[in-house]
Amino acid sequence: MSLKRTLESEVMEGIDEAATYDDMDHSTVNRQFVDDLLAFHEPTEEVFDIGTGTARIPIELCRRREDLRVVAVDLSVEMLDVARLNVEVAQLMDQIQLDRVDAKATDYEAARFETVISNSLLHHLPKPDIAVREAIRLTSANGHLFFRDLMRPNSDRDVERLVATYAKDESDHVQQLFHDSLHAALTLDEMREIVCRHGFADTTVQASSDRHWTWATMK
């Protein structure tokens, strides 16, 4: 029997929580995300980042591609406050636009973005299918979608193993956040079911590490 999905908060609220999240060492994961995105597809037009958090991935992307402009959105005021500081420190204000937007219902025009990306958003959402549908709506014809998120393990034992492997040097609070996120994540099959409902092949979703799946496709 697989591990039941246990939801966590959709929006990370409070400046302390946002700062704690930003202090966590996601640098390796963020670099890998950008590496894999650019290997899959080289954006040439505006990029839309859904659930940007503290904007670390747009910063990593724009440091490598000075020609790109990224519209990065999040629903958390506190996350965006930290994101603005990070973008200013990186001196990328001209490339990265930060907006407070609900990823499930944006007011951007349809097919505006050539590339739509998201990292670690869907596990926060009770109904991730809604955000996926909105992302597809915003992607231009022949545009690209690149989503990555945690993959829910099969058992509590697997959760504890992953926490011990990847968060053993973090505080108890950070370990608990990772633990809760793994419980809230989608399985590979659940994400495949979502993309199939929107007309994409299940093979566009693949396990990309022992704790992540990646959805990479052209619209």
C-alpha atoms as a PDB file:
ATOM      1  CA  MET A   1       0.000   0.000   0.000  1.00  0.00           C
ATOM      2  CA  SER A   2       1.441   3.368  -1.020  1.00  0.00           C
ATOM      3  CA  LEU A   3       1.920   6.278   1.336  1.00  0.00           C
ATOM      4  CA  LYS A   4      -1.182   8.489   1.560  1.00  0.00           C
ATOM      5  CA  ARG A   5      -0.784  12.110   0.499  1.00  0.00           C
ATOM      6  CA  THR A   6      -0.902  14.481   3.471  1.00  0.00           C
ATOM      7  CA  LEU A   7      -1.348  18.120   2.515  1.00  0.00           C
ATOM      8  CA  GLU A   8       0.720  20.958   3.924  1.00  0.00           C
ATOM      9  CA  SER A   9       0.104  24.719   3.826  1.00  0.00           C
ATOM     10  CA  GLU A  10      -0.442  26.066   0.312  1.00  0.00           C
ATOM     11  CA  VAL A  11       1.233  29.390   1.085  1.00  0.00           C
ATOM     12  CA  MET A  12       4.367  29.750   3.205  1.00  0.00           C
ATOM     13  CA  GLU A  13       3.501  32.698   5.431  1.00  0.00           C
ATOM     14  CA  GLY A  14       5.622  34.681   7.864  1.00  0.00           C
ATOM     15  CA  ILE A  15       8.952  36.348   7.266  1.00  0.00           C
ATOM     16  CA  ASP A  16      10.721  33.852   9.540  1.00  0.00           C
ATOM     17  CA  GLU A  17       9.457  30.932   7.449  1.00  0.00           C
ATOM     18  CA  ALA A  18      10.472  32.655   4.216  1.00  0.00           C
ATOM     19  CA  ALA A  19      13.917  33.461   5.594  1.00  0.00           C
ATOM     20  CA  THR A  20      14.350  29.892   6.847  1.00  0.00           C
ATOM     21  CA  TYR A  21      13.429  28.547   3.438  1.00  0.00           C
ATOM     22  CA  ASP A  22      15.845  30.901   1.715  1.00  0.00           C
ATOM     23  CA  ASP A  23      18.645  29.946   4.096  1.00  0.00           C
ATOM     24  CA  MET A  24      18.286  26.266   3.192  1.00  0.00           C
ATOM     25  CA  ASP A  25      20.986  25.160   0.768  1.00  0.00           C
ATOM     26  CA  HIS A  26      19.090  24.592  -2.475  1.00  0.00           C
ATOM     27  CA  SER A  27      22.019  25.687  -4.628  1.00  0.00           C
ATOM     28  CA  THR A  28      22.837  22.249  -6.028  1.00  0.00           C
ATOM     29  CA  VAL A  29      19.192  21.467  -6.786  1.00  0.00           C
ATOM     30  CA  ASN A  30      18.677  24.894  -8.370  1.00  0.00           C
ATOM     31  CA  ARG A  31      21.757  24.557 -10.579  1.00  0.00           C
ATOM     32  CA  GLN A  32      20.608  21.115 -11.653  1.00  0.00           C
ATOM     33  CA  PHE A  33      17.158  22.465 -12.494  1.00  0.00           C
ATOM     34  CA  VAL A  34      18.649  25.149 -14.746  1.00  0.00           C
ATOM     35  CA  ASP A  35      21.150  22.702 -16.256  1.00  0.00           C
ATOM     36  CA  ASP A  36      18.348  20.316 -17.159  1.00  0.00           C
ATOM     37  CA  LEU A  37      16.045  23.073 -18.407  1.00  0.00           C
ATOM     38  CA  LEU A  38      18.700  24.419 -20.771  1.00  0.00           C
ATOM     39  CA  ALA A  39      19.573  20.909 -21.938  1.00  0.00           C
ATOM     40  CA  PHE A  40      15.903  20.309 -22.723  1.00  0.00           C
ATOM     41  CA  HIS A  41      15.177  23.703 -24.272  1.00  0.00           C
ATOM     42  CA  GLU A  42      16.997  27.013 -24.713  1.00  0.00           C
ATOM     43  CA  PRO A  43      14.432  29.770 -24.058  1.00  0.00           C
ATOM     44  CA  THR A  44      14.563  32.634 -26.531  1.00  0.00           C
ATOM     45  CA  GLU A  45      11.618  34.680 -25.297  1.00  0.00           C
ATOM     46  CA  GLU A  46       9.973  35.572 -21.990  1.00  0.00           C
ATOM     47  CA  VAL A  47      10.026  32.854 -19.313  1.00  0.00           C
ATOM     48  CA  PHE A  48       7.251  32.440 -16.735  1.00  0.00           C
ATOM     49  CA  ASP A  49       8.222  30.948 -13.360  1.00  0.00           C
ATOM     50  CA  ILE A  50       5.251  29.702 -11.326  1.00  0.00           C
ATOM     51  CA  GLY A  51       5.716  29.552  -7.552  1.00  0.00           C
ATOM     52  CA  THR A  52       9.112  31.221  -7.626  1.00  0.00           C
ATOM     53  CA  GLY A  53       9.555  31.337  -3.846  1.00  0.00           C
ATOM     54  CA  THR A  54      12.580  33.498  -3.169  1.00  0.00           C
ATOM     55  CA  ALA A  55      13.510  33.682  -6.885  1.00  0.00           C
ATOM     56  CA  ARG A  56      16.675  31.625  -6.688  1.00  0.00           C
ATOM     57  CA  ILE A  57      15.984  29.776  -9.956  1.00  0.00           C
ATOM     58  CA  PRO A  58      15.248  32.904 -12.036  1.00  0.00           C
ATOM     59  CA  ILE A  59      18.456  34.391 -10.650  1.00  0.00           C
ATOM     60  CA  GLU A  60      20.443  31.280 -11.605  1.00  0.00           C
ATOM     61  CA  LEU A  61      18.879  31.281 -15.072  1.00  0.00           C
ATOM     62  CA  CYS A  62      19.444  34.986 -15.746  1.00  0.00           C
ATOM     63  CA  ARG A  63      23.054  34.813 -14.606  1.00  0.00           C
ATOM     64  CA  ARG A  64      23.634  32.350 -17.412  1.00  0.00           C
ATOM     65  CA  ARG A  65      21.419  34.008 -20.005  1.00  0.00           C
ATOM     66  CA  GLU A  66      21.743  37.784 -19.968  1.00  0.00           C
ATOM     67  CA  ASP A  67      19.295  38.039 -22.870  1.00  0.00           C
ATOM     68  CA  LEU A  68      16.378  36.509 -20.989  1.00  0.00           C
ATOM     69  CA  ARG A  69      13.546  38.154 -19.120  1.00  0.00           C
ATOM     70  CA  VAL A  70      11.664  36.189 -16.454  1.00  0.00           C
ATOM     71  CA  VAL A  71       8.248  36.933 -14.974  1.00  0.00           C
ATOM     72  CA  ALA A  72       8.312  35.159 -11.602  1.00  0.00           C
ATOM     73  CA  VAL A  73       5.212  34.835  -9.423  1.00  0.00           C
ATOM     74  CA  ASP A  74       4.302  33.652  -5.973  1.00  0.00           C
ATOM     75  CA  LEU A  75       1.305  34.017  -3.668  1.00  0.00           C
ATOM     76  CA  SER A  76       3.320  34.581  -0.497  1.00  0.00           C
ATOM     77  CA  VAL A  77       4.011  38.230   0.321  1.00  0.00           C
ATOM     78  CA  GLU A  78       6.900  37.250   2.572  1.00  0.00           C
ATOM     79  CA  MET A  79       8.513  35.006  -0.029  1.00  0.00           C
ATOM     80  CA  LEU A  80       8.348  37.832  -2.546  1.00  0.00           C
ATOM     81  CA  ASP A  81       9.861  40.276  -0.045  1.00  0.00           C
ATOM     82  CA  VAL A  82      12.887  37.990   0.258  1.00  0.00           C
ATOM     83  CA  ALA A  83      12.863  37.427  -3.516  1.00  0.00           C
ATOM     84  CA  ARG A  84      13.049  41.168  -4.205  1.00  0.00           C
ATOM     85  CA  LEU A  85      16.053  41.483  -1.930  1.00  0.00           C
ATOM     86  CA  ASN A  86      17.739  38.533  -3.661  1.00  0.00           C
ATOM     87  CA  VAL A  87      17.078  39.996  -7.121  1.00  0.00           C
ATOM     88  CA  GLU A  88      18.414  43.399  -6.054  1.00  0.00           C
ATOM     89  CA  VAL A  89      21.567  41.887  -4.564  1.00  0.00           C
ATOM     90  CA  ALA A  90      22.082  39.928  -7.799  1.00  0.00           C
ATOM     91  CA  GLN A  91      21.551  43.176  -9.769  1.00  0.00           C
ATOM     92  CA  LEU A  92      18.981  41.514 -12.007  1.00  0.00           C
ATOM     93  CA  MET A  93      16.069  43.917 -11.553  1.00  0.00           C
ATOM     94  CA  ASP A  94      15.970  44.603 -15.304  1.00  0.00           C
ATOM     95  CA  GLN A  95      15.608  40.905 -16.138  1.00  0.00           C
ATOM     96  CA  ILE A  96      13.353  39.566 -13.390  1.00  0.00           C
ATOM     97  CA  GLN A  97       9.836  40.854 -12.749  1.00  0.00           C
ATOM     98  CA  LEU A  98       8.228  39.695  -9.494  1.00  0.00           C
ATOM     99  CA  ASP A  99       4.429  39.603  -9.181  1.00  0.00           C
ATOM    100  CA  ARG A 100       2.112  38.429  -6.427  1.00  0.00           C
ATOM    101  CA  VAL A 101      -0.139  36.083  -8.361  1.00  0.00           C
ATOM    102  CA  ASP A 102      -2.127  32.935  -7.641  1.00  0.00           C
ATOM    103  CA  ALA A 103      -0.709  30.315 -10.004  1.00  0.00           C
ATOM    104  CA  LYS A 104      -4.115  28.674 -10.229  1.00  0.00           C
ATOM    105  CA  ALA A 105      -5.799  31.762 -11.717  1.00  0.00           C
ATOM    106  CA  THR A 106      -3.609  34.407 -13.311  1.00  0.00           C
ATOM    107  CA  ASP A 107      -4.790  37.347 -15.388  1.00  0.00           C
ATOM    108  CA  TYR A 108      -2.006  37.093 -17.956  1.00  0.00           C
ATOM    109  CA  GLU A 109      -3.128  36.696 -21.542  1.00  0.00           C
ATOM    110  CA  ALA A 110      -3.310  33.195 -22.982  1.00  0.00           C
ATOM    111  CA  ALA A 111      -0.259  31.865 -24.843  1.00  0.00           C
ATOM    112  CA  ARG A 112       1.898  34.777 -23.639  1.00  0.00           C
ATOM    113  CA  PHE A 113       4.973  32.780 -22.619  1.00  0.00           C
ATOM    114  CA  GLU A 114       7.249  30.674 -24.781  1.00  0.00           C
ATOM    115  CA  THR A 115       8.592  28.823 -21.751  1.00  0.00           C
ATOM    116  CA  VAL A 116       6.760  28.066 -18.484  1.00  0.00           C
ATOM    117  CA  ILE A 117       8.712  26.581 -15.587  1.00  0.00           C
ATOM    118  CA  SER A 118       7.984  25.584 -12.013  1.00  0.00           C
ATOM    119  CA  ASN A 119      10.029  24.047  -9.248  1.00  0.00           C
ATOM    120  CA  SER A 120       8.521  22.560  -6.076  1.00  0.00           C
ATOM    121  CA  LEU A 121       5.130  24.247  -6.302  1.00  0.00           C
ATOM    122  CA  LEU A 122       2.638  21.472  -6.989  1.00  0.00           C
ATOM    123  CA  HIS A 123       3.168  19.613  -3.723  1.00  0.00           C
ATOM    124  CA  HIS A 124       1.794  22.694  -1.933  1.00  0.00           C
ATOM    125  CA  LEU A 125      -1.505  22.600  -3.817  1.00  0.00           C
ATOM    126  CA  PRO A 126      -4.560  20.560  -2.807  1.00  0.00           C
ATOM    127  CA  LYS A 127      -5.589  20.460  -6.475  1.00  0.00           C
ATOM    128  CA  PRO A 128      -2.392  20.682  -8.550  1.00  0.00           C
ATOM    129  CA  ASP A 129      -4.321  19.931 -11.728  1.00  0.00           C
ATOM    130  CA  ILE A 130      -5.700  23.512 -11.686  1.00  0.00           C
ATOM    131  CA  ALA A 131      -2.217  25.053 -11.737  1.00  0.00           C
ATOM    132  CA  VAL A 132      -1.133  22.684 -14.507  1.00  0.00           C
ATOM    133  CA  ARG A 133      -4.146  23.710 -16.591  1.00  0.00           C
ATOM    134  CA  GLU A 134      -3.327  27.383 -16.082  1.00  0.00           C
ATOM    135  CA  ALA A 135       0.322  26.808 -17.017  1.00  0.00           C
ATOM    136  CA  ILE A 136      -0.760  25.151 -20.244  1.00  0.00           C
ATOM    137  CA  ARG A 137      -3.091  28.063 -21.016  1.00  0.00           C
ATOM    138  CA  LEU A 138      -0.234  30.538 -20.629  1.00  0.00           C
ATOM    139  CA  THR A 139       2.171  28.597 -22.860  1.00  0.00           C
ATOM    140  CA  SER A 140       2.393  29.617 -26.501  1.00  0.00           C
ATOM    141  CA  ALA A 141       1.856  27.212 -29.381  1.00  0.00           C
ATOM    142  CA  ASN A 142       4.980  25.068 -29.711  1.00  0.00           C
ATOM    143  CA  GLY A 143       6.132  26.506 -26.390  1.00  0.00           C
ATOM    144  CA  HIS A 144       7.727  24.453 -23.634  1.00  0.00           C
ATOM    145  CA  LEU A 145       6.773  23.424 -20.110  1.00  0.00           C
ATOM    146  CA  PHE A 146       9.359  22.290 -17.589  1.00  0.00           C
ATOM    147  CA  PHE A 147       8.112  21.329 -14.119  1.00  0.00           C
ATOM    148  CA  ARG A 148       9.970  19.594 -11.312  1.00  0.00           C
ATOM    149  CA  ASP A 149       8.825  18.664  -7.836  1.00  0.00           C
ATOM    150  CA  LEU A 150       9.329  16.214  -5.034  1.00  0.00           C
ATOM    151  CA  MET A 151       8.103  12.657  -5.587  1.00  0.00           C
ATOM    152  CA  ARG A 152       6.175  11.042  -2.755  1.00  0.00           C
ATOM    153  CA  PRO A 153       7.944   7.908  -1.501  1.00  0.00           C
ATOM    154  CA  ASN A 154       6.260   4.567  -1.002  1.00  0.00           C
ATOM    155  CA  SER A 155       6.530   4.432   2.775  1.00  0.00           C
ATOM    156  CA  ASP A 156       7.321   6.321   5.954  1.00  0.00           C
ATOM    157  CA  ARG A 157      10.596   4.434   6.078  1.00  0.00           C
ATOM    158  CA  ASP A 158      11.537   5.862   2.684  1.00  0.00           C
ATOM    159  CA  VAL A 159      10.609   9.352   3.884  1.00  0.00           C
ATOM    160  CA  GLU A 160      12.867   9.019   6.898  1.00  0.00           C
ATOM    161  CA  ARG A 161      15.689   7.696   4.709  1.00  0.00           C
ATOM    162  CA  LEU A 162      15.462  10.677   2.368  1.00  0.00           C
ATOM    163  CA  VAL A 163      15.344  13.151   5.253  1.00  0.00           C
ATOM    164  CA  ALA A 164      18.400  11.495   6.802  1.00  0.00           C
ATOM    165  CA  THR A 165      20.222  11.540   3.453  1.00  0.00           C
ATOM    166  CA  TYR A 166      19.503  15.069   2.316  1.00  0.00           C
ATOM    167  CA  ALA A 167      18.718  17.063   5.472  1.00  0.00           C
ATOM    168  CA  LYS A 168      20.811  15.434   8.175  1.00  0.00           C
ATOM    169  CA  ASP A 169      22.875  18.591   8.727  1.00  0.00           C
ATOM    170  CA  GLU A 170      19.844  20.892   8.827  1.00  0.00           C
ATOM    171  CA  SER A 171      17.905  22.037  11.896  1.00  0.00           C
ATOM    172  CA  ASP A 172      15.032  19.992  13.277  1.00  0.00           C
ATOM    173  CA  HIS A 173      12.639  22.563  11.821  1.00  0.00           C
ATOM    174  CA  VAL A 174      14.089  22.234   8.320  1.00  0.00           C
ATOM    175  CA  GLN A 175      14.042  18.452   8.575  1.00  0.00           C
ATOM    176  CA  GLN A 176      10.366  18.626   9.505  1.00  0.00           C
ATOM    177  CA  LEU A 177       9.633  20.881   6.533  1.00  0.00           C
ATOM    178  CA  PHE A 178      11.293  18.384   4.194  1.00  0.00           C
ATOM    179  CA  HIS A 179       9.461  15.499   5.865  1.00  0.00           C
ATOM    180  CA  ASP A 180       6.099  17.241   5.419  1.00  0.00           C
ATOM    181  CA  SER A 181       6.847  18.161   1.802  1.00  0.00           C
ATOM    182  CA  LEU A 182       7.639  14.557   0.913  1.00  0.00           C
ATOM    183  CA  HIS A 183       4.308  13.494   2.408  1.00  0.00           C
ATOM    184  CA  ALA A 184       2.508  16.209   0.418  1.00  0.00           C
ATOM    185  CA  ALA A 185       4.202  15.430  -2.902  1.00  0.00           C
ATOM    186  CA  LEU A 186       2.635  13.683  -5.875  1.00  0.00           C
ATOM    187  CA  THR A 187       3.734  10.243  -6.952  1.00  0.00           C
ATOM    188  CA  LEU A 188       5.068   9.690 -10.442  1.00  0.00           C
ATOM    189  CA  ASP A 189       1.812   7.992 -11.441  1.00  0.00           C
ATOM    190  CA  GLU A 190      -0.328  10.814 -10.023  1.00  0.00           C
ATOM    191  CA  MET A 191       1.547  13.429 -12.033  1.00  0.00           C
ATOM    192  CA  ARG A 192       1.335  11.280 -15.139  1.00  0.00           C
ATOM    193  CA  GLU A 193      -2.429  11.010 -14.687  1.00  0.00           C
ATOM    194  CA  ILE A 194      -2.674  14.823 -14.509  1.00  0.00           C
ATOM    195  CA  VAL A 195      -0.731  15.470 -17.713  1.00  0.00           C
ATOM    196  CA  CYS A 196      -2.613  12.737 -19.560  1.00  0.00           C
ATOM    197  CA  ARG A 197      -5.901  14.472 -18.712  1.00  0.00           C
ATOM    198  CA  HIS A 198      -4.536  17.513 -20.537  1.00  0.00           C
ATOM    199  CA  GLY A 199      -3.523  15.584 -23.639  1.00  0.00           C
ATOM    200  CA  PHE A 200       0.169  14.974 -22.945  1.00  0.00           C
ATOM    201  CA  ALA A 201       1.882  11.594 -23.021  1.00  0.00           C
ATOM    202  CA  ASP A 202       2.596   9.960 -19.682  1.00  0.00           C
ATOM    203  CA  THR A 203       6.196   9.494 -20.825  1.00  0.00           C
ATOM    204  CA  THR A 204       6.725  13.265 -20.577  1.00  0.00           C
ATOM    205  CA  VAL A 205       6.888  12.774 -16.802  1.00  0.00           C
ATOM    206  CA  GLN A 206       9.938  10.875 -15.593  1.00  0.00           C
ATOM    207  CA  ALA A 207      11.658  10.246 -12.269  1.00  0.00           C
ATOM    208  CA  SER A 208      14.705  12.534 -12.384  1.00  0.00           C
ATOM    209  CA  SER A 209      16.255  11.609  -9.021  1.00  0.00           C
ATOM    210  CA  ASP A 210      15.449   9.425  -6.035  1.00  0.00           C
ATOM    211  CA  ARG A 211      13.160  12.206  -4.748  1.00  0.00           C
ATOM    212  CA  HIS A 212      12.040  14.199  -7.818  1.00  0.00           C
ATOM    213  CA  TRP A 213       9.936  13.813 -10.931  1.00  0.00           C
ATOM    214  CA  THR A 214      10.249  16.108 -13.957  1.00  0.00           C
ATOM    215  CA  TRP A 215       7.616  16.992 -16.536  1.00  0.00           C
ATOM    216  CA  ALA A 216       9.254  18.279 -19.714  1.00  0.00           C
ATOM    217  CA  THR A 217       7.258  18.745 -22.877  1.00  0.00           C
ATOM    218  CA  MET A 218       6.447  20.913 -25.863  1.00  0.00           C
ATOM    219  CA  LYS A 219       2.872  22.152 -26.134  1.00  0.00           C
END
